[in-house]
């Protein structure tokens, strides 16, 4: 199975090809921290912000379980590709961080042959070959 992960901004619209859309605007927002405002969810200071945040840690734990269920369910239904879009207000901090973290986590899933990560607002794209044995 191929999994495409997209981070996006709700202000600019939901990606048309998404099978699943997750709104993470409830997570703490580094935009309101002056030193982090101009950075992105791919920068180490923002990553540290989220790694220390209890709400983000709890959400990721639940997200990982849900994604595992979704991947297995789609595989049983003979689907070969799913697109998961995760959005926040501006698509700069929260959704890129969550998408990157999710991409790293699921790249080891035995049901997944390829993971692609696209940050719509940051205009960055990366394809990762699955790392499972």
C-alpha atoms as a PDB file:
ATOM      1  CA  UNK A   1       0.000   0.000   0.000  1.00  0.00           C
ATOM      2  CA  UNK A   2       1.087   3.544  -0.760  1.00  0.00           C
ATOM      3  CA  UNK A   3       0.289   6.252   1.777  1.00  0.00           C
ATOM      4  CA  UNK A   4       0.409   9.923   0.821  1.00  0.00           C
ATOM      5  CA  UNK A   5       0.556  12.348   3.734  1.00  0.00           C
ATOM      6  CA  UNK A   6      -0.283  16.012   3.179  1.00  0.00           C
ATOM      7  CA  UNK A   7       0.014  18.925   5.584  1.00  0.00           C
ATOM      8  CA  UNK A   8      -2.172  21.897   4.721  1.00  0.00           C
ATOM      9  CA  UNK A   9      -3.817  25.123   5.880  1.00  0.00           C
ATOM     10  CA  UNK A  10      -7.556  25.182   6.499  1.00  0.00           C
ATOM     11  CA  UNK A  11      -7.442  28.860   5.471  1.00  0.00           C
ATOM     12  CA  UNK A  12      -6.424  27.760   1.965  1.00  0.00           C
ATOM     13  CA  UNK A  13      -8.669  24.718   1.658  1.00  0.00           C
ATOM     14  CA  UNK A  14      -8.729  20.971   2.085  1.00  0.00           C
ATOM     15  CA  UNK A  15      -6.776  18.937  -0.518  1.00  0.00           C
ATOM     16  CA  UNK A  16      -9.214  17.521  -3.081  1.00  0.00           C
ATOM     17  CA  UNK A  17      -7.724  14.033  -3.185  1.00  0.00           C
ATOM     18  CA  UNK A  18      -7.751  13.342   0.571  1.00  0.00           C
ATOM     19  CA  UNK A  19      -9.415  10.123   1.729  1.00  0.00           C
ATOM     20  CA  UNK A  20      -9.056  11.197   5.362  1.00  0.00           C
ATOM     21  CA  UNK A  21      -8.878  14.731   6.767  1.00  0.00           C
ATOM     22  CA  UNK A  22      -7.748  15.462  10.304  1.00  0.00           C
ATOM     23  CA  UNK A  23      -8.100  18.869  11.958  1.00  0.00           C
ATOM     24  CA  UNK A  24      -5.353  19.513  14.523  1.00  0.00           C
ATOM     25  CA  UNK A  25      -6.108  23.146  15.340  1.00  0.00           C
ATOM     26  CA  UNK A  26      -6.718  22.040  18.932  1.00  0.00           C
ATOM     27  CA  UNK A  27      -2.974  21.458  19.502  1.00  0.00           C
ATOM     28  CA  UNK A  28      -0.816  24.165  21.055  1.00  0.00           C
ATOM     29  CA  UNK A  29       0.360  26.577  18.382  1.00  0.00           C
ATOM     30  CA  UNK A  30       4.026  27.713  18.225  1.00  0.00           C
ATOM     31  CA  UNK A  31       2.856  30.705  16.165  1.00  0.00           C
ATOM     32  CA  UNK A  32       2.093  32.415  19.481  1.00  0.00           C
ATOM     33  CA  UNK A  33       5.683  32.013  20.684  1.00  0.00           C
ATOM     34  CA  UNK A  34       7.632  34.987  19.305  1.00  0.00           C
ATOM     35  CA  UNK A  35      10.863  33.044  18.783  1.00  0.00           C
ATOM     36  CA  UNK A  36       9.025  30.283  16.843  1.00  0.00           C
ATOM     37  CA  UNK A  37       6.570  32.344  14.779  1.00  0.00           C
ATOM     38  CA  UNK A  38       8.730  32.597  11.644  1.00  0.00           C
ATOM     39  CA  UNK A  39       9.930  28.982  11.789  1.00  0.00           C
ATOM     40  CA  UNK A  40       8.133  25.855  10.555  1.00  0.00           C
ATOM     41  CA  UNK A  41       7.279  22.442  11.942  1.00  0.00           C
ATOM     42  CA  UNK A  42      10.434  21.173  10.232  1.00  0.00           C
ATOM     43  CA  UNK A  43      12.765  23.386  12.311  1.00  0.00           C
ATOM     44  CA  UNK A  44      14.463  21.928  15.384  1.00  0.00           C
ATOM     45  CA  UNK A  45      13.170  24.571  17.820  1.00  0.00           C
ATOM     46  CA  UNK A  46       9.576  23.900  16.783  1.00  0.00           C
ATOM     47  CA  UNK A  47      10.175  20.146  16.902  1.00  0.00           C
ATOM     48  CA  UNK A  48      11.471  20.554  20.469  1.00  0.00           C
ATOM     49  CA  UNK A  49       8.359  22.595  21.335  1.00  0.00           C
ATOM     50  CA  UNK A  50       6.100  19.739  20.231  1.00  0.00           C
ATOM     51  CA  UNK A  51       8.219  16.977  21.777  1.00  0.00           C
ATOM     52  CA  UNK A  52       7.786  18.676  25.170  1.00  0.00           C
ATOM     53  CA  UNK A  53       4.042  19.255  24.754  1.00  0.00           C
ATOM     54  CA  UNK A  54       1.913  16.666  26.585  1.00  0.00           C
ATOM     55  CA  UNK A  55      -1.131  17.265  24.395  1.00  0.00           C
ATOM     56  CA  UNK A  56       0.867  16.589  21.244  1.00  0.00           C
ATOM     57  CA  UNK A  57       2.362  13.424  22.722  1.00  0.00           C
ATOM     58  CA  UNK A  58      -1.095  12.111  23.675  1.00  0.00           C
ATOM     59  CA  UNK A  59      -2.525  12.964  20.274  1.00  0.00           C
ATOM     60  CA  UNK A  60       0.310  11.219  18.431  1.00  0.00           C
ATOM     61  CA  UNK A  61      -0.202   8.051  20.458  1.00  0.00           C
ATOM     62  CA  UNK A  62      -3.888   7.966  19.486  1.00  0.00           C
ATOM     63  CA  UNK A  63      -3.154   8.959  15.881  1.00  0.00           C
ATOM     64  CA  UNK A  64      -0.618   6.151  15.445  1.00  0.00           C
ATOM     65  CA  UNK A  65      -3.188   3.578  16.603  1.00  0.00           C
ATOM     66  CA  UNK A  66      -5.905   4.996  14.366  1.00  0.00           C
ATOM     67  CA  UNK A  67      -3.637   5.131  11.307  1.00  0.00           C
ATOM     68  CA  UNK A  68      -2.603   1.513  11.866  1.00  0.00           C
ATOM     69  CA  UNK A  69      -6.274   0.527  11.904  1.00  0.00           C
ATOM     70  CA  UNK A  70      -7.020   2.572   8.765  1.00  0.00           C
ATOM     71  CA  UNK A  71      -4.075   1.099   6.851  1.00  0.00           C
ATOM     72  CA  UNK A  72      -5.013  -2.483   7.760  1.00  0.00           C
ATOM     73  CA  UNK A  73      -8.686  -1.872   6.937  1.00  0.00           C
ATOM     74  CA  UNK A  74      -7.870  -0.375   3.548  1.00  0.00           C
ATOM     75  CA  UNK A  75      -5.459  -3.202   2.794  1.00  0.00           C
ATOM     76  CA  UNK A  76      -8.240  -5.739   3.570  1.00  0.00           C
ATOM     77  CA  UNK A  77     -10.497  -3.824   1.181  1.00  0.00           C
ATOM     78  CA  UNK A  78      -7.826  -4.252  -1.532  1.00  0.00           C
ATOM     79  CA  UNK A  79      -7.046  -0.545  -1.714  1.00  0.00           C
ATOM     80  CA  UNK A  80      -3.539   0.187  -2.934  1.00  0.00           C
ATOM     81  CA  UNK A  81      -3.296   3.858  -1.956  1.00  0.00           C
ATOM     82  CA  UNK A  82      -4.708   6.231   0.642  1.00  0.00           C
ATOM     83  CA  UNK A  83      -4.244   9.962   1.096  1.00  0.00           C
ATOM     84  CA  UNK A  84      -4.279  11.401   4.609  1.00  0.00           C
ATOM     85  CA  UNK A  85      -4.412  15.174   4.972  1.00  0.00           C
ATOM     86  CA  UNK A  86      -3.711  16.878   8.273  1.00  0.00           C
ATOM     87  CA  UNK A  87      -4.506  20.543   8.596  1.00  0.00           C
ATOM     88  CA  UNK A  88      -4.017  23.421  10.967  1.00  0.00           C
ATOM     89  CA  UNK A  89      -4.689  27.130  10.656  1.00  0.00           C
ATOM     90  CA  UNK A  90      -1.738  28.198   8.509  1.00  0.00           C
ATOM     91  CA  UNK A  91      -0.064  24.919   7.572  1.00  0.00           C
ATOM     92  CA  UNK A  92       3.268  26.159   8.896  1.00  0.00           C
ATOM     93  CA  UNK A  93       3.902  24.588  12.304  1.00  0.00           C
ATOM     94  CA  UNK A  94       1.504  21.952  13.610  1.00  0.00           C
ATOM     95  CA  UNK A  95       0.499  20.033  10.485  1.00  0.00           C
ATOM     96  CA  UNK A  96       4.040  19.793   9.034  1.00  0.00           C
ATOM     97  CA  UNK A  97       5.366  18.511  12.366  1.00  0.00           C
ATOM     98  CA  UNK A  98       2.586  15.924  12.731  1.00  0.00           C
ATOM     99  CA  UNK A  99       2.889  14.759   9.102  1.00  0.00           C
ATOM    100  CA  UNK A 100       6.674  14.344   9.386  1.00  0.00           C
ATOM    101  CA  UNK A 101       6.336  12.445  12.658  1.00  0.00           C
ATOM    102  CA  UNK A 102       3.586  10.254  11.245  1.00  0.00           C
ATOM    103  CA  UNK A 103       5.595   9.575   8.077  1.00  0.00           C
ATOM    104  CA  UNK A 104       8.578   8.387  10.093  1.00  0.00           C
ATOM    105  CA  UNK A 105       6.374   6.232  12.278  1.00  0.00           C
ATOM    106  CA  UNK A 106       4.469   4.442   9.513  1.00  0.00           C
ATOM    107  CA  UNK A 107       7.455   3.906   7.235  1.00  0.00           C
ATOM    108  CA  UNK A 108       8.184   0.783   9.278  1.00  0.00           C
ATOM    109  CA  UNK A 109       4.684  -0.671   8.847  1.00  0.00           C
ATOM    110  CA  UNK A 110       4.791  -4.008   7.016  1.00  0.00           C
ATOM    111  CA  UNK A 111       1.572  -3.168   5.133  1.00  0.00           C
ATOM    112  CA  UNK A 112       3.063  -0.026   3.562  1.00  0.00           C
ATOM    113  CA  UNK A 113       5.388  -0.088   0.563  1.00  0.00           C
ATOM    114  CA  UNK A 114       5.827   3.668   0.171  1.00  0.00           C
ATOM    115  CA  UNK A 115       5.147   6.831   2.148  1.00  0.00           C
ATOM    116  CA  UNK A 116       5.140  10.233   0.517  1.00  0.00           C
ATOM    117  CA  UNK A 117       5.072  13.473   2.487  1.00  0.00           C
ATOM    118  CA  UNK A 118       3.919  16.755   0.989  1.00  0.00           C
ATOM    119  CA  UNK A 119       3.741  20.060   2.828  1.00  0.00           C
ATOM    120  CA  UNK A 120       1.327  22.039   0.703  1.00  0.00           C
ATOM    121  CA  UNK A 121       1.950  25.464   2.233  1.00  0.00           C
ATOM    122  CA  UNK A 122       5.716  24.937   2.564  1.00  0.00           C
ATOM    123  CA  UNK A 123       5.940  23.531  -0.980  1.00  0.00           C
ATOM    124  CA  UNK A 124       8.099  20.592   0.128  1.00  0.00           C
ATOM    125  CA  UNK A 125       7.728  17.008  -1.073  1.00  0.00           C
ATOM    126  CA  UNK A 126       9.516  13.820  -0.076  1.00  0.00           C
ATOM    127  CA  UNK A 127       9.011  10.151  -0.962  1.00  0.00           C
ATOM    128  CA  UNK A 128      10.206   7.608   1.550  1.00  0.00           C
ATOM    129  CA  UNK A 129      10.554   3.951   0.761  1.00  0.00           C
ATOM    130  CA  UNK A 130       9.238   1.805   3.566  1.00  0.00           C
ATOM    131  CA  UNK A 131      11.896   0.689   6.035  1.00  0.00           C
ATOM    132  CA  UNK A 132      10.394  -2.591   7.195  1.00  0.00           C
ATOM    133  CA  UNK A 133      12.309  -5.819   6.644  1.00  0.00           C
END
